[in-house]
């Protein structure tokens, strides 16, 4: 039996709060997941969201927010972040499981992922 909370990382870099096509589809899914997850989650889980859109700060409730210094709204920067920076960030945050919300996990992931 696990005594400490399971730590789940959420790659939310496709979240966009802009009033454009980027704010629809998967972005809407990510927004709703991040704003409601702690309300329905068991107490023995903790969450860290990794994202680029700093406008989300006011929306967060109960999540540790980790913002990228790279402009991850651009695909090339996001790919570099996902493959090279994210593994280090996951290790530093001591994440037990990564939920890759856009279906892409780093090749060198330091933890299991879904």
PDB file of N, CA and C in Angstrom:
ATOM      1  N   UNK A   1       0.833  -1.177   0.000  1.00  0.00           N
ATOM      2  CA  UNK A   1       0.000   0.000   0.000  1.00  0.00           C
ATOM      3  C   UNK A   1       0.882   1.245   0.000  1.00  0.00           C
ATOM      4  N   UNK A   2       0.543   2.200  -0.809  1.00  0.00           N
ATOM      5  CA  UNK A   2       1.319   3.425  -0.978  1.00  0.00           C
ATOM      6  C   UNK A   2       0.974   4.420   0.131  1.00  0.00           C
ATOM      7  N   UNK A   3       2.002   4.946   0.818  1.00  0.00           N
ATOM      8  CA  UNK A   3       1.780   5.899   1.900  1.00  0.00           C
ATOM      9  C   UNK A   3       1.737   7.345   1.434  1.00  0.00           C
ATOM     10  N   UNK A   4       2.413   7.650   0.334  1.00  0.00           N
ATOM     11  CA  UNK A   4       2.426   9.032  -0.137  1.00  0.00           C
ATOM     12  C   UNK A   4       1.550   9.190  -1.371  1.00  0.00           C
ATOM     13  N   UNK A   5       1.219  10.420  -1.663  1.00  0.00           N
ATOM     14  CA  UNK A   5       0.353  10.712  -2.807  1.00  0.00           C
ATOM     15  C   UNK A   5       1.057  10.382  -4.112  1.00  0.00           C
ATOM     16  N   UNK A   6       0.320   9.795  -5.042  1.00  0.00           N
ATOM     17  CA  UNK A   6       0.851   9.570  -6.387  1.00  0.00           C
ATOM     18  C   UNK A   6       0.936  10.927  -7.073  1.00  0.00           C
ATOM     19  N   UNK A   7       2.060  11.182  -7.725  1.00  0.00           N
ATOM     20  CA  UNK A   7       2.284  12.477  -8.377  1.00  0.00           C
ATOM     21  C   UNK A   7       2.141  12.304  -9.886  1.00  0.00           C
ATOM     22  N   UNK A   8       1.144  12.955 -10.452  1.00  0.00           N
ATOM     23  CA  UNK A   8       0.846  12.829 -11.877  1.00  0.00           C
ATOM     24  C   UNK A   8       1.189  14.138 -12.576  1.00  0.00           C
ATOM     25  N   UNK A   9       1.991  14.028 -13.632  1.00  0.00           N
ATOM     26  CA  UNK A   9       2.343  15.184 -14.452  1.00  0.00           C
ATOM     27  C   UNK A   9       1.411  15.265 -15.646  1.00  0.00           C
ATOM     28  N   UNK A  10       1.041  16.479 -16.020  1.00  0.00           N
ATOM     29  CA  UNK A  10       0.123  16.706 -17.136  1.00  0.00           C
ATOM     30  C   UNK A  10       0.806  17.623 -18.148  1.00  0.00           C
ATOM     31  N   UNK A  11       1.111  17.101 -19.329  1.00  0.00           N
ATOM     32  CA  UNK A  11       1.696  17.947 -20.372  1.00  0.00           C
ATOM     33  C   UNK A  11       0.556  18.711 -21.033  1.00  0.00           C
ATOM     34  N   UNK A  12       0.416  19.974 -20.655  1.00  0.00           N
ATOM     35  CA  UNK A  12      -0.705  20.797 -21.117  1.00  0.00           C
ATOM     36  C   UNK A  12      -0.247  21.909 -22.060  1.00  0.00           C
ATOM     37  N   UNK A  13       0.816  21.674 -22.797  1.00  0.00           N
ATOM     38  CA  UNK A  13       1.365  22.717 -23.666  1.00  0.00           C
ATOM     39  C   UNK A  13       0.470  23.082 -24.842  1.00  0.00           C
ATOM     40  N   UNK A  14      -0.515  22.287 -25.176  1.00  0.00           N
ATOM     41  CA  UNK A  14      -1.429  22.678 -26.250  1.00  0.00           C
ATOM     42  C   UNK A  14      -2.600  23.518 -25.743  1.00  0.00           C
ATOM     43  N   UNK A  15      -2.614  23.823 -24.450  1.00  0.00           N
ATOM     44  CA  UNK A  15      -3.642  24.711 -23.919  1.00  0.00           C
ATOM     45  C   UNK A  15      -3.425  26.119 -24.466  1.00  0.00           C
ATOM     46  N   UNK A  16      -4.472  26.696 -25.004  1.00  0.00           N
ATOM     47  CA  UNK A  16      -4.435  28.081 -25.473  1.00  0.00           C
ATOM     48  C   UNK A  16      -5.734  28.753 -25.054  1.00  0.00           C
ATOM     49  N   UNK A  17      -5.608  29.885 -24.397  1.00  0.00           N
ATOM     50  CA  UNK A  17      -6.791  30.629 -23.981  1.00  0.00           C
ATOM     51  C   UNK A  17      -7.137  31.728 -24.978  1.00  0.00           C
ATOM     52  N   UNK A  18      -6.512  31.697 -26.140  1.00  0.00           N
ATOM     53  CA  UNK A  18      -6.782  32.707 -27.166  1.00  0.00           C
ATOM     54  C   UNK A  18      -8.143  32.469 -27.808  1.00  0.00           C
ATOM     55  N   UNK A  19      -8.707  33.534 -28.333  1.00  0.00           N
ATOM     56  CA  UNK A  19      -9.992  33.454 -29.033  1.00  0.00           C
ATOM     57  C   UNK A  19      -9.726  33.180 -30.513  1.00  0.00           C
ATOM     58  N   UNK A  20      -9.133  32.037 -30.785  1.00  0.00           N
ATOM     59  CA  UNK A  20      -8.812  31.651 -32.159  1.00  0.00           C
ATOM     60  C   UNK A  20      -9.013  30.146 -32.283  1.00  0.00           C
ATOM     61  N   UNK A  21      -8.665  29.612 -33.435  1.00  0.00           N
ATOM     62  CA  UNK A  21      -8.784  28.166 -33.633  1.00  0.00           C
ATOM     63  C   UNK A  21      -7.947  27.392 -32.623  1.00  0.00           C
ATOM     64  N   UNK A  22      -6.868  27.997 -32.097  1.00  0.00           N
ATOM     65  CA  UNK A  22      -6.018  27.308 -31.124  1.00  0.00           C
ATOM     66  C   UNK A  22      -6.737  27.107 -29.793  1.00  0.00           C
ATOM     67  N   UNK A  23      -7.772  27.884 -29.532  1.00  0.00           N
ATOM     68  CA  UNK A  23      -8.504  27.769 -28.279  1.00  0.00           C
ATOM     69  C   UNK A  23      -9.650  26.770 -28.330  1.00  0.00           C
ATOM     70  N   UNK A  24      -9.743  25.999 -29.400  1.00  0.00           N
ATOM     71  CA  UNK A  24     -10.830  25.015 -29.565  1.00  0.00           C
ATOM     72  C   UNK A  24     -10.266  23.600 -29.440  1.00  0.00           C
ATOM     73  N   UNK A  25     -11.106  22.618 -29.673  1.00  0.00           N
ATOM     74  CA  UNK A  25     -10.667  21.220 -29.731  1.00  0.00           C
ATOM     75  C   UNK A  25      -9.935  20.746 -28.499  1.00  0.00           C
ATOM     76  N   UNK A  26      -8.702  20.269 -28.705  1.00  0.00           N
ATOM     77  CA  UNK A  26      -7.926  19.687 -27.607  1.00  0.00           C
ATOM     78  C   UNK A  26      -7.650  20.720 -26.520  1.00  0.00           C
ATOM     79  N   UNK A  27      -7.544  21.985 -26.899  1.00  0.00           N
ATOM     80  CA  UNK A  27      -7.311  23.034 -25.916  1.00  0.00           C
ATOM     81  C   UNK A  27      -8.486  23.135 -24.939  1.00  0.00           C
ATOM     82  N   UNK A  28      -9.688  23.038 -25.448  1.00  0.00           N
ATOM     83  CA  UNK A  28     -10.891  23.085 -24.613  1.00  0.00           C
ATOM     84  C   UNK A  28     -10.929  21.884 -23.664  1.00  0.00           C
ATOM     85  N   UNK A  29     -10.552  20.712 -24.166  1.00  0.00           N
ATOM     86  CA  UNK A  29     -10.464  19.505 -23.332  1.00  0.00           C
ATOM     87  C   UNK A  29      -9.452  19.713 -22.203  1.00  0.00           C
ATOM     88  N   UNK A  30      -8.259  20.215 -22.551  1.00  0.00           N
ATOM     89  CA  UNK A  30      -7.211  20.431 -21.552  1.00  0.00           C
ATOM     90  C   UNK A  30      -7.674  21.447 -20.505  1.00  0.00           C
ATOM     91  N   UNK A  31      -8.285  22.540 -20.946  1.00  0.00           N
ATOM     92  CA  UNK A  31      -8.773  23.566 -20.021  1.00  0.00           C
ATOM     93  C   UNK A  31      -9.755  22.963 -19.015  1.00  0.00           C
ATOM     94  N   UNK A  32     -10.725  22.223 -19.499  1.00  0.00           N
ATOM     95  CA  UNK A  32     -11.723  21.626 -18.605  1.00  0.00           C
ATOM     96  C   UNK A  32     -11.110  20.591 -17.674  1.00  0.00           C
ATOM     97  N   UNK A  33     -10.175  19.801 -18.165  1.00  0.00           N
ATOM     98  CA  UNK A  33      -9.501  18.825 -17.312  1.00  0.00           C
ATOM     99  C   UNK A  33      -8.746  19.528 -16.187  1.00  0.00           C
ATOM    100  N   UNK A  34      -7.961  20.536 -16.525  1.00  0.00           N
ATOM    101  CA  UNK A  34      -7.154  21.219 -15.515  1.00  0.00           C
ATOM    102  C   UNK A  34      -8.001  21.965 -14.493  1.00  0.00           C
ATOM    103  N   UNK A  35      -9.102  22.540 -14.909  1.00  0.00           N
ATOM    104  CA  UNK A  35      -9.919  23.313 -13.968  1.00  0.00           C
ATOM    105  C   UNK A  35     -10.788  22.439 -13.073  1.00  0.00           C
ATOM    106  N   UNK A  36     -11.031  21.197 -13.457  1.00  0.00           N
ATOM    107  CA  UNK A  36     -11.949  20.358 -12.677  1.00  0.00           C
ATOM    108  C   UNK A  36     -11.317  19.108 -12.051  1.00  0.00           C
ATOM    109  N   UNK A  37     -10.096  18.822 -12.406  1.00  0.00           N
ATOM    110  CA  UNK A  37      -9.471  17.571 -11.979  1.00  0.00           C
ATOM    111  C   UNK A  37      -9.424  17.411 -10.463  1.00  0.00           C
ATOM    112  N   UNK A  38      -8.970  18.419  -9.743  1.00  0.00           N
ATOM    113  CA  UNK A  38      -8.858  18.295  -8.288  1.00  0.00           C
ATOM    114  C   UNK A  38     -10.215  18.137  -7.607  1.00  0.00           C
ATOM    115  N   UNK A  39     -11.271  18.625  -8.217  1.00  0.00           N
ATOM    116  CA  UNK A  39     -12.612  18.509  -7.632  1.00  0.00           C
ATOM    117  C   UNK A  39     -13.087  17.061  -7.593  1.00  0.00           C
ATOM    118  N   UNK A  40     -12.654  16.265  -8.552  1.00  0.00           N
ATOM    119  CA  UNK A  40     -13.138  14.887  -8.651  1.00  0.00           C
ATOM    120  C   UNK A  40     -12.065  13.855  -8.331  1.00  0.00           C
ATOM    121  N   UNK A  41     -10.877  14.300  -8.020  1.00  0.00           N
ATOM    122  CA  UNK A  41      -9.751  13.400  -7.792  1.00  0.00           C
ATOM    123  C   UNK A  41      -9.707  12.920  -6.344  1.00  0.00           C
ATOM    124  N   UNK A  42      -9.275  11.680  -6.142  1.00  0.00           N
ATOM    125  CA  UNK A  42      -9.058  11.218  -4.766  1.00  0.00           C
ATOM    126  C   UNK A  42      -7.971  12.064  -4.095  1.00  0.00           C
ATOM    127  N   UNK A  43      -7.995  12.123  -2.785  1.00  0.00           N
ATOM    128  CA  UNK A  43      -7.028  12.933  -2.038  1.00  0.00           C
ATOM    129  C   UNK A  43      -5.597  12.425  -2.155  1.00  0.00           C
ATOM    130  N   UNK A  44      -5.419  11.164  -2.504  1.00  0.00           N
ATOM    131  CA  UNK A  44      -4.069  10.607  -2.545  1.00  0.00           C
ATOM    132  C   UNK A  44      -3.387  10.797  -3.909  1.00  0.00           C
ATOM    133  N   UNK A  45      -3.805  11.803  -4.665  1.00  0.00           N
ATOM    134  CA  UNK A  45      -3.155  12.167  -5.919  1.00  0.00           C
ATOM    135  C   UNK A  45      -2.756  13.629  -5.851  1.00  0.00           C
ATOM    136  N   UNK A  46      -1.570  13.933  -6.376  1.00  0.00           N
ATOM    137  CA  UNK A  46      -1.202  15.337  -6.550  1.00  0.00           C
ATOM    138  C   UNK A  46      -0.818  15.522  -8.006  1.00  0.00           C
ATOM    139  N   UNK A  47      -0.963  16.739  -8.506  1.00  0.00           N
ATOM    140  CA  UNK A  47      -0.813  17.008  -9.932  1.00  0.00           C
ATOM    141  C   UNK A  47       0.115  18.185 -10.185  1.00  0.00           C
ATOM    142  N   UNK A  48       0.929  18.039 -11.216  1.00  0.00           N
ATOM    143  CA  UNK A  48       1.749  19.130 -11.730  1.00  0.00           C
ATOM    144  C   UNK A  48       1.428  19.286 -13.203  1.00  0.00           C
ATOM    145  N   UNK A  49       1.021  20.489 -13.589  1.00  0.00           N
ATOM    146  CA  UNK A  49       0.735  20.776 -14.995  1.00  0.00           C
ATOM    147  C   UNK A  49       1.925  21.514 -15.591  1.00  0.00           C
ATOM    148  N   UNK A  50       2.348  21.069 -16.763  1.00  0.00           N
ATOM    149  CA  UNK A  50       3.441  21.697 -17.498  1.00  0.00           C
ATOM    150  C   UNK A  50       2.817  22.388 -18.698  1.00  0.00           C
ATOM    151  N   UNK A  51       2.927  23.708 -18.758  1.00  0.00           N
ATOM    152  CA  UNK A  51       2.238  24.458 -19.800  1.00  0.00           C
ATOM    153  C   UNK A  51       2.994  25.718 -20.191  1.00  0.00           C
ATOM    154  N   UNK A  52       2.507  26.359 -21.236  1.00  0.00           N
ATOM    155  CA  UNK A  52       3.153  27.560 -21.736  1.00  0.00           C
ATOM    156  C   UNK A  52       2.294  28.800 -21.626  1.00  0.00           C
ATOM    157  N   UNK A  53       0.977  28.671 -21.603  1.00  0.00           N
ATOM    158  CA  UNK A  53       0.066  29.817 -21.588  1.00  0.00           C
ATOM    159  C   UNK A  53      -0.104  30.333 -20.165  1.00  0.00           C
ATOM    160  N   UNK A  54       0.610  31.420 -19.843  1.00  0.00           N
ATOM    161  CA  UNK A  54       0.574  31.977 -18.486  1.00  0.00           C
ATOM    162  C   UNK A  54      -0.778  32.575 -18.111  1.00  0.00           C
ATOM    163  N   UNK A  55      -1.631  32.791 -19.068  1.00  0.00           N
ATOM    164  CA  UNK A  55      -2.968  33.312 -18.780  1.00  0.00           C
ATOM    165  C   UNK A  55      -3.770  32.327 -17.940  1.00  0.00           C
ATOM    166  N   UNK A  56      -3.367  31.074 -17.902  1.00  0.00           N
ATOM    167  CA  UNK A  56      -4.094  30.059 -17.141  1.00  0.00           C
ATOM    168  C   UNK A  56      -3.913  30.214 -15.637  1.00  0.00           C
ATOM    169  N   UNK A  57      -2.921  30.924 -15.176  1.00  0.00           N
ATOM    170  CA  UNK A  57      -2.620  31.012 -13.743  1.00  0.00           C
ATOM    171  C   UNK A  57      -3.834  31.290 -12.875  1.00  0.00           C
ATOM    172  N   UNK A  58      -4.645  32.224 -13.277  1.00  0.00           N
ATOM    173  CA  UNK A  58      -5.806  32.591 -12.469  1.00  0.00           C
ATOM    174  C   UNK A  58      -6.866  31.495 -12.452  1.00  0.00           C
ATOM    175  N   UNK A  59      -6.816  30.594 -13.399  1.00  0.00           N
ATOM    176  CA  UNK A  59      -7.824  29.545 -13.523  1.00  0.00           C
ATOM    177  C   UNK A  59      -7.520  28.318 -12.653  1.00  0.00           C
ATOM    178  N   UNK A  60      -6.271  28.160 -12.264  1.00  0.00           N
ATOM    179  CA  UNK A  60      -5.836  26.914 -11.628  1.00  0.00           C
ATOM    180  C   UNK A  60      -6.404  26.751 -10.227  1.00  0.00           C
ATOM    181  N   UNK A  61      -6.705  25.521  -9.896  1.00  0.00           N
ATOM    182  CA  UNK A  61      -7.133  25.228  -8.537  1.00  0.00           C
ATOM    183  C   UNK A  61      -6.551  23.889  -8.119  1.00  0.00           C
ATOM    184  N   UNK A  62      -5.614  23.944  -7.191  1.00  0.00           N
ATOM    185  CA  UNK A  62      -5.056  22.725  -6.645  1.00  0.00           C
ATOM    186  C   UNK A  62      -4.012  22.030  -7.491  1.00  0.00           C
ATOM    187  N   UNK A  63      -3.499  22.701  -8.515  1.00  0.00           N
ATOM    188  CA  UNK A  63      -2.461  22.115  -9.357  1.00  0.00           C
ATOM    189  C   UNK A  63      -1.169  22.903  -9.185  1.00  0.00           C
ATOM    190  N   UNK A  64      -0.040  22.207  -9.201  1.00  0.00           N
ATOM    191  CA  UNK A  64       1.246  22.901  -9.276  1.00  0.00           C
ATOM    192  C   UNK A  64       1.454  23.252 -10.744  1.00  0.00           C
ATOM    193  N   UNK A  65       1.696  24.519 -11.034  1.00  0.00           N
ATOM    194  CA  UNK A  65       1.858  24.966 -12.415  1.00  0.00           C
ATOM    195  C   UNK A  65       3.328  25.207 -12.718  1.00  0.00           C
ATOM    196  N   UNK A  66       3.796  24.633 -13.820  1.00  0.00           N
ATOM    197  CA  UNK A  66       5.178  24.769 -14.264  1.00  0.00           C
ATOM    198  C   UNK A  66       5.158  25.332 -15.676  1.00  0.00           C
ATOM    199  N   UNK A  67       5.612  26.576 -15.828  1.00  0.00           N
ATOM    200  CA  UNK A  67       5.562  27.243 -17.127  1.00  0.00           C
ATOM    201  C   UNK A  67       6.900  27.150 -17.845  1.00  0.00           C
ATOM    202  N   UNK A  68       6.829  26.915 -19.138  1.00  0.00           N
ATOM    203  CA  UNK A  68       8.023  26.831 -19.972  1.00  0.00           C
ATOM    204  C   UNK A  68       8.531  28.221 -20.304  1.00  0.00           C
ATOM    205  N   UNK A  69       9.837  28.346 -20.424  1.00  0.00           N
ATOM    206  CA  UNK A  69      10.434  29.598 -20.898  1.00  0.00           C
ATOM    207  C   UNK A  69      10.451  29.642 -22.419  1.00  0.00           C
ATOM    208  N   UNK A  70      10.259  28.495 -23.050  1.00  0.00           N
ATOM    209  CA  UNK A  70      10.237  28.432 -24.513  1.00  0.00           C
ATOM    210  C   UNK A  70       8.851  28.807 -25.030  1.00  0.00           C
ATOM    211  N   UNK A  71       8.769  29.367 -26.231  1.00  0.00           N
ATOM    212  CA  UNK A  71       7.463  29.704 -26.825  1.00  0.00           C
ATOM    213  C   UNK A  71       6.798  28.449 -27.397  1.00  0.00           C
ATOM    214  N   UNK A  72       6.270  27.614 -26.524  1.00  0.00           N
ATOM    215  CA  UNK A  72       5.769  26.297 -26.940  1.00  0.00           C
ATOM    216  C   UNK A  72       4.472  26.347 -27.733  1.00  0.00           C
ATOM    217  N   UNK A  73       3.931  27.531 -27.969  1.00  0.00           N
ATOM    218  CA  UNK A  73       2.784  27.641 -28.884  1.00  0.00           C
ATOM    219  C   UNK A  73       3.237  27.362 -30.316  1.00  0.00           C
ATOM    220  N   UNK A  74       4.553  27.498 -30.563  1.00  0.00           N
ATOM    221  CA  UNK A  74       5.120  27.177 -31.879  1.00  0.00           C
ATOM    222  C   UNK A  74       5.534  25.705 -31.877  1.00  0.00           C
ATOM    223  N   UNK A  75       5.128  24.948 -32.896  1.00  0.00           N
ATOM    224  CA  UNK A  75       5.392  23.504 -32.915  1.00  0.00           C
ATOM    225  C   UNK A  75       6.858  23.117 -32.721  1.00  0.00           C
ATOM    226  N   UNK A  76       7.788  23.777 -33.381  1.00  0.00           N
ATOM    227  CA  UNK A  76       9.203  23.400 -33.256  1.00  0.00           C
ATOM    228  C   UNK A  76       9.688  23.562 -31.818  1.00  0.00           C
ATOM    229  N   UNK A  77       9.321  24.659 -31.173  1.00  0.00           N
ATOM    230  CA  UNK A  77       9.720  24.885 -29.780  1.00  0.00           C
ATOM    231  C   UNK A  77       9.066  23.865 -28.860  1.00  0.00           C
ATOM    232  N   UNK A  78       7.801  23.537 -29.126  1.00  0.00           N
ATOM    233  CA  UNK A  78       7.092  22.558 -28.293  1.00  0.00           C
ATOM    234  C   UNK A  78       7.731  21.172 -28.410  1.00  0.00           C
ATOM    235  N   UNK A  79       8.107  20.779 -29.617  1.00  0.00           N
ATOM    236  CA  UNK A  79       8.747  19.473 -29.811  1.00  0.00           C
ATOM    237  C   UNK A  79      10.079  19.424 -29.069  1.00  0.00           C
ATOM    238  N   UNK A  80      10.871  20.487 -29.174  1.00  0.00           N
ATOM    239  CA  UNK A  80      12.139  20.541 -28.434  1.00  0.00           C
ATOM    240  C   UNK A  80      11.882  20.444 -26.935  1.00  0.00           C
ATOM    241  N   UNK A  81      10.881  21.185 -26.448  1.00  0.00           N
ATOM    242  CA  UNK A  81      10.570  21.132 -25.022  1.00  0.00           C
ATOM    243  C   UNK A  81      10.151  19.721 -24.619  1.00  0.00           C
ATOM    244  N   UNK A  82       9.234  19.117 -25.387  1.00  0.00           N
ATOM    245  CA  UNK A  82       8.722  17.784 -25.035  1.00  0.00           C
ATOM    246  C   UNK A  82       9.826  16.735 -24.991  1.00  0.00           C
ATOM    247  N   UNK A  83      10.761  16.804 -25.904  1.00  0.00           N
ATOM    248  CA  UNK A  83      11.774  15.756 -25.996  1.00  0.00           C
ATOM    249  C   UNK A  83      13.013  15.998 -25.136  1.00  0.00           C
ATOM    250  N   UNK A  84      13.367  17.259 -24.890  1.00  0.00           N
ATOM    251  CA  UNK A  84      14.622  17.536 -24.188  1.00  0.00           C
ATOM    252  C   UNK A  84      14.458  18.189 -22.818  1.00  0.00           C
ATOM    253  N   UNK A  85      13.506  19.073 -22.668  1.00  0.00           N
ATOM    254  CA  UNK A  85      13.321  19.764 -21.389  1.00  0.00           C
ATOM    255  C   UNK A  85      12.362  18.997 -20.482  1.00  0.00           C
ATOM    256  N   UNK A  86      11.303  18.462 -21.052  1.00  0.00           N
ATOM    257  CA  UNK A  86      10.295  17.769 -20.254  1.00  0.00           C
ATOM    258  C   UNK A  86      10.860  16.624 -19.409  1.00  0.00           C
ATOM    259  N   UNK A  87      11.742  15.766 -19.939  1.00  0.00           N
ATOM    260  CA  UNK A  87      12.270  14.703 -19.077  1.00  0.00           C
ATOM    261  C   UNK A  87      12.960  15.249 -17.826  1.00  0.00           C
ATOM    262  N   UNK A  88      13.688  16.348 -17.977  1.00  0.00           N
ATOM    263  CA  UNK A  88      14.353  16.963 -16.818  1.00  0.00           C
ATOM    264  C   UNK A  88      13.331  17.551 -15.848  1.00  0.00           C
ATOM    265  N   UNK A  89      12.309  18.195 -16.390  1.00  0.00           N
ATOM    266  CA  UNK A  89      11.262  18.781 -15.545  1.00  0.00           C
ATOM    267  C   UNK A  89      10.501  17.697 -14.779  1.00  0.00           C
ATOM    268  N   UNK A  90      10.231  16.583 -15.430  1.00  0.00           N
ATOM    269  CA  UNK A  90       9.531  15.477 -14.770  1.00  0.00           C
ATOM    270  C   UNK A  90      10.374  14.899 -13.642  1.00  0.00           C
ATOM    271  N   UNK A  91      11.657  14.747 -13.903  1.00  0.00           N
ATOM    272  CA  UNK A  91      12.561  14.214 -12.882  1.00  0.00           C
ATOM    273  C   UNK A  91      12.659  15.192 -11.708  1.00  0.00           C
ATOM    274  N   UNK A  92      12.822  16.474 -12.011  1.00  0.00           N
ATOM    275  CA  UNK A  92      12.946  17.494 -10.967  1.00  0.00           C
ATOM    276  C   UNK A  92      11.684  17.547 -10.103  1.00  0.00           C
ATOM    277  N   UNK A  93      10.523  17.405 -10.721  1.00  0.00           N
ATOM    278  CA  UNK A  93       9.249  17.459  -9.986  1.00  0.00           C
ATOM    279  C   UNK A  93       8.908  16.132  -9.305  1.00  0.00           C
ATOM    280  N   UNK A  94       9.691  15.094  -9.576  1.00  0.00           N
ATOM    281  CA  UNK A  94       9.461  13.758  -9.004  1.00  0.00           C
ATOM    282  C   UNK A  94       8.085  13.214  -9.379  1.00  0.00           C
ATOM    283  N   UNK A  95       7.777  13.324 -10.670  1.00  0.00           N
ATOM    284  CA  UNK A  95       6.502  12.837 -11.196  1.00  0.00           C
ATOM    285  C   UNK A  95       6.542  11.313 -11.296  1.00  0.00           C
ATOM    286  N   UNK A  96       5.476  10.657 -10.855  1.00  0.00           N
ATOM    287  CA  UNK A  96       5.371   9.198 -10.918  1.00  0.00           C
ATOM    288  C   UNK A  96       4.787   8.708 -12.238  1.00  0.00           C
ATOM    289  N   UNK A  97       3.907   9.503 -12.844  1.00  0.00           N
ATOM    290  CA  UNK A  97       3.226   9.118 -14.084  1.00  0.00           C
ATOM    291  C   UNK A  97       2.959  10.376 -14.896  1.00  0.00           C
ATOM    292  N   UNK A  98       3.254  10.326 -16.190  1.00  0.00           N
ATOM    293  CA  UNK A  98       2.976  11.448 -17.083  1.00  0.00           C
ATOM    294  C   UNK A  98       1.726  11.159 -17.890  1.00  0.00           C
ATOM    295  N   UNK A  99       0.786  12.108 -17.884  1.00  0.00           N
ATOM    296  CA  UNK A  99      -0.356  12.037 -18.792  1.00  0.00           C
ATOM    297  C   UNK A  99      -0.032  12.994 -19.929  1.00  0.00           C
ATOM    298  N   UNK A 100       0.295  12.446 -21.085  1.00  0.00           N
ATOM    299  CA  UNK A 100       0.630  13.242 -22.268  1.00  0.00           C
ATOM    300  C   UNK A 100      -0.681  13.591 -22.965  1.00  0.00           C
ATOM    301  N   UNK A 101      -1.220  14.755 -22.660  1.00  0.00           N
ATOM    302  CA  UNK A 101      -2.558  15.123 -23.112  1.00  0.00           C
ATOM    303  C   UNK A 101      -2.682  15.245 -24.625  1.00  0.00           C
ATOM    304  N   UNK A 102      -1.568  15.445 -25.321  1.00  0.00           N
ATOM    305  CA  UNK A 102      -1.600  15.536 -26.790  1.00  0.00           C
ATOM    306  C   UNK A 102      -0.966  14.296 -27.417  1.00  0.00           C
ATOM    307  N   UNK A 103      -0.910  13.211 -26.656  1.00  0.00           N
ATOM    308  CA  UNK A 103      -0.492  11.900 -27.159  1.00  0.00           C
ATOM    309  C   UNK A 103       0.984  11.805 -27.509  1.00  0.00           C
ATOM    310  N   UNK A 104       1.830  12.706 -26.994  1.00  0.00           N
ATOM    311  CA  UNK A 104       3.264  12.675 -27.274  1.00  0.00           C
ATOM    312  C   UNK A 104       4.014  12.688 -25.951  1.00  0.00           C
ATOM    313  N   UNK A 105       4.828  11.663 -25.733  1.00  0.00           N
ATOM    314  CA  UNK A 105       5.665  11.590 -24.539  1.00  0.00           C
ATOM    315  C   UNK A 105       7.126  11.614 -24.981  1.00  0.00           C
ATOM    316  N   UNK A 106       8.014  12.051 -24.102  1.00  0.00           N
ATOM    317  CA  UNK A 106       9.426  12.077 -24.481  1.00  0.00           C
ATOM    318  C   UNK A 106       9.989  10.666 -24.634  1.00  0.00           C
ATOM    319  N   UNK A 107      10.870  10.513 -25.604  1.00  0.00           N
ATOM    320  CA  UNK A 107      11.510   9.210 -25.796  1.00  0.00           C
ATOM    321  C   UNK A 107      12.291   8.796 -24.558  1.00  0.00           C
ATOM    322  N   UNK A 108      12.849   9.760 -23.847  1.00  0.00           N
ATOM    323  CA  UNK A 108      13.637   9.482 -22.645  1.00  0.00           C
ATOM    324  C   UNK A 108      12.840   9.811 -21.383  1.00  0.00           C
ATOM    325  N   UNK A 109      11.582   9.433 -21.358  1.00  0.00           N
ATOM    326  CA  UNK A 109      10.734   9.719 -20.193  1.00  0.00           C
ATOM    327  C   UNK A 109      11.294   9.026 -18.954  1.00  0.00           C
ATOM    328  N   UNK A 110      11.414   9.746 -17.838  1.00  0.00           N
ATOM    329  CA  UNK A 110      11.936   9.145 -16.615  1.00  0.00           C
ATOM    330  C   UNK A 110      10.874   8.411 -15.798  1.00  0.00           C
ATOM    331  N   UNK A 111       9.654   8.325 -16.336  1.00  0.00           N
ATOM    332  CA  UNK A 111       8.554   7.681 -15.622  1.00  0.00           C
ATOM    333  C   UNK A 111       7.602   7.072 -16.650  1.00  0.00           C
ATOM    334  N   UNK A 112       6.710   6.201 -16.226  1.00  0.00           N
ATOM    335  CA  UNK A 112       5.700   5.678 -17.160  1.00  0.00           C
ATOM    336  C   UNK A 112       4.801   6.813 -17.655  1.00  0.00           C
ATOM    337  N   UNK A 113       4.153   6.599 -18.781  1.00  0.00           N
ATOM    338  CA  UNK A 113       3.270   7.625 -19.341  1.00  0.00           C
ATOM    339  C   UNK A 113       2.074   6.995 -20.024  1.00  0.00           C
ATOM    340  N   UNK A 114       1.014   7.784 -20.108  1.00  0.00           N
ATOM    341  CA  UNK A 114      -0.205   7.395 -20.844  1.00  0.00           C
ATOM    342  C   UNK A 114      -0.592   8.546 -21.741  1.00  0.00           C
TER     343      UNK A 114
END
